[in-house]
Amino acid sequence: MARLASRGLTNRQIARELVLSVKTIEYRLGNAYSKFGIGSRTELVSRLALSS
């Protein structure tokens, strides 16, 4: 999910891709942001680029 977000997909597009609700995507991405200690998609892209 985080990788899809880092590729520029919207929450709605991610939800369609994974067959989940938009609310589920929002909740889980929020948890990912918290886990990584970040606050935005931009920071998520940077964080995932470093871990690859």
N, C-alpha and C. Protein backbone atom coordinates (compact mmCIF):
# COMPACT_ATOMS: atom_id res chain seq x y z
N MET A 1 0.82 -1.18 0.00
CA MET A 1 0.00 0.00 0.00
C MET A 1 0.88 1.25 0.00
N ALA A 2 1.88 1.27 0.85
CA ALA A 2 2.77 2.42 0.91
C ALA A 2 3.53 2.59 -0.41
N ARG A 3 3.91 1.50 -1.00
CA ARG A 3 4.62 1.58 -2.30
C ARG A 3 3.71 2.14 -3.40
N LEU A 4 2.44 1.75 -3.38
CA LEU A 4 1.50 2.30 -4.36
C LEU A 4 1.35 3.81 -4.15
N ALA A 5 1.25 4.21 -2.89
CA ALA A 5 1.13 5.64 -2.58
C ALA A 5 2.39 6.39 -3.03
N SER A 6 3.53 5.76 -2.83
CA SER A 6 4.78 6.42 -3.21
C SER A 6 4.94 6.54 -4.73
N ARG A 7 4.20 5.71 -5.48
CA ARG A 7 4.23 5.80 -6.95
C ARG A 7 3.27 6.87 -7.46
N GLY A 8 2.56 7.53 -6.54
CA GLY A 8 1.69 8.63 -6.96
C GLY A 8 0.22 8.29 -7.07
N LEU A 9 -0.17 7.07 -6.72
CA LEU A 9 -1.58 6.72 -6.78
C LEU A 9 -2.34 7.42 -5.66
N THR A 10 -3.57 7.81 -5.94
CA THR A 10 -4.42 8.41 -4.92
C THR A 10 -4.96 7.31 -4.01
N ASN A 11 -5.52 7.70 -2.88
CA ASN A 11 -6.13 6.73 -1.98
C ASN A 11 -7.24 5.96 -2.69
N ARG A 12 -8.01 6.63 -3.50
CA ARG A 12 -9.09 5.98 -4.24
C ARG A 12 -8.53 4.94 -5.22
N GLN A 13 -7.46 5.29 -5.91
CA GLN A 13 -6.85 4.36 -6.86
C GLN A 13 -6.26 3.15 -6.14
N ILE A 14 -5.63 3.39 -5.01
CA ILE A 14 -5.07 2.29 -4.21
C ILE A 14 -6.19 1.38 -3.74
N ALA A 15 -7.29 1.96 -3.28
CA ALA A 15 -8.43 1.18 -2.81
C ALA A 15 -8.97 0.29 -3.93
N ARG A 16 -9.09 0.82 -5.12
CA ARG A 16 -9.56 0.02 -6.25
C ARG A 16 -8.58 -1.11 -6.56
N GLU A 17 -7.31 -0.78 -6.58
CA GLU A 17 -6.26 -1.76 -6.89
C GLU A 17 -6.26 -2.93 -5.89
N LEU A 18 -6.44 -2.61 -4.61
CA LEU A 18 -6.36 -3.63 -3.56
C LEU A 18 -7.73 -4.16 -3.12
N VAL A 19 -8.78 -3.64 -3.73
CA VAL A 19 -10.17 -4.02 -3.41
C VAL A 19 -10.43 -3.82 -1.91
N LEU A 20 -10.14 -2.61 -1.46
CA LEU A 20 -10.39 -2.18 -0.08
C LEU A 20 -11.12 -0.86 -0.12
N SER A 21 -11.65 -0.44 1.01
CA SER A 21 -12.32 0.86 1.05
C SER A 21 -11.29 1.98 1.17
N VAL A 22 -11.70 3.16 0.75
CA VAL A 22 -10.83 4.34 0.85
C VAL A 22 -10.51 4.60 2.32
N LYS A 23 -11.47 4.40 3.20
CA LYS A 23 -11.24 4.61 4.64
C LYS A 23 -10.16 3.67 5.17
N THR A 24 -10.15 2.43 4.68
CA THR A 24 -9.12 1.46 5.10
C THR A 24 -7.75 1.94 4.64
N ILE A 25 -7.67 2.43 3.43
CA ILE A 25 -6.40 2.94 2.91
C ILE A 25 -5.93 4.13 3.75
N GLU A 26 -6.83 5.05 4.04
CA GLU A 26 -6.48 6.21 4.86
C GLU A 26 -5.96 5.78 6.23
N TYR A 27 -6.65 4.83 6.84
CA TYR A 27 -6.27 4.35 8.17
C TYR A 27 -4.89 3.69 8.13
N ARG A 28 -4.70 2.79 7.18
CA ARG A 28 -3.43 2.05 7.12
C ARG A 28 -2.26 2.93 6.71
N LEU A 29 -2.49 3.87 5.80
CA LEU A 29 -1.41 4.80 5.46
C LEU A 29 -1.06 5.68 6.65
N GLY A 30 -2.08 6.07 7.41
CA GLY A 30 -1.82 6.85 8.63
C GLY A 30 -0.95 6.08 9.60
N ASN A 31 -1.20 4.78 9.72
CA ASN A 31 -0.37 3.94 10.58
C ASN A 31 1.06 3.84 10.03
N ALA A 32 1.19 3.73 8.72
CA ALA A 32 2.51 3.68 8.10
C ALA A 32 3.27 4.98 8.35
N TYR A 33 2.58 6.10 8.20
CA TYR A 33 3.22 7.40 8.45
C TYR A 33 3.72 7.45 9.89
N SER A 34 2.90 7.00 10.80
CA SER A 34 3.26 7.01 12.21
C SER A 34 4.47 6.10 12.46
N LYS A 35 4.45 4.93 11.89
CA LYS A 35 5.54 3.96 12.05
C LYS A 35 6.86 4.54 11.56
N PHE A 36 6.82 5.21 10.40
CA PHE A 36 8.03 5.80 9.84
C PHE A 36 8.37 7.16 10.44
N GLY A 37 7.48 7.70 11.25
CA GLY A 37 7.72 9.01 11.85
C GLY A 37 7.66 10.14 10.83
N ILE A 38 6.72 10.03 9.88
CA ILE A 38 6.59 11.02 8.82
C ILE A 38 5.17 11.58 8.82
N GLY A 39 4.95 12.61 8.00
CA GLY A 39 3.64 13.23 7.98
C GLY A 39 3.04 13.48 6.61
N SER A 40 3.73 13.01 5.55
CA SER A 40 3.20 13.29 4.22
C SER A 40 3.63 12.23 3.21
N ARG A 41 2.96 12.22 2.06
CA ARG A 41 3.33 11.31 0.97
C ARG A 41 4.74 11.61 0.47
N THR A 42 5.10 12.87 0.43
CA THR A 42 6.44 13.25 -0.02
C THR A 42 7.51 12.61 0.85
N GLU A 43 7.30 12.67 2.15
CA GLU A 43 8.24 12.03 3.06
C GLU A 43 8.22 10.51 2.89
N LEU A 44 7.06 9.96 2.61
CA LEU A 44 6.93 8.52 2.39
C LEU A 44 7.76 8.09 1.18
N VAL A 45 7.69 8.85 0.10
CA VAL A 45 8.47 8.56 -1.10
C VAL A 45 9.96 8.55 -0.75
N SER A 46 10.41 9.55 -0.02
CA SER A 46 11.82 9.63 0.36
C SER A 46 12.23 8.46 1.23
N ARG A 47 11.38 8.13 2.20
CA ARG A 47 11.69 7.04 3.12
C ARG A 47 11.78 5.70 2.39
N LEU A 48 10.85 5.44 1.49
CA LEU A 48 10.86 4.18 0.76
C LEU A 48 12.02 4.11 -0.23
N ALA A 49 12.41 5.25 -0.78
CA ALA A 49 13.55 5.28 -1.69
C ALA A 49 14.83 4.92 -0.95
N LEU A 50 14.94 5.34 0.29
CA LEU A 50 16.13 5.04 1.10
C LEU A 50 16.18 3.57 1.49
N SER A 51 15.00 2.96 1.69
CA SER A 51 14.96 1.57 2.15
C SER A 51 15.06 0.56 1.01
N SER A 52 15.03 1.04 -0.23
CA SER A 52 15.09 0.11 -1.38
C SER A 52 16.50 -0.27 -1.72
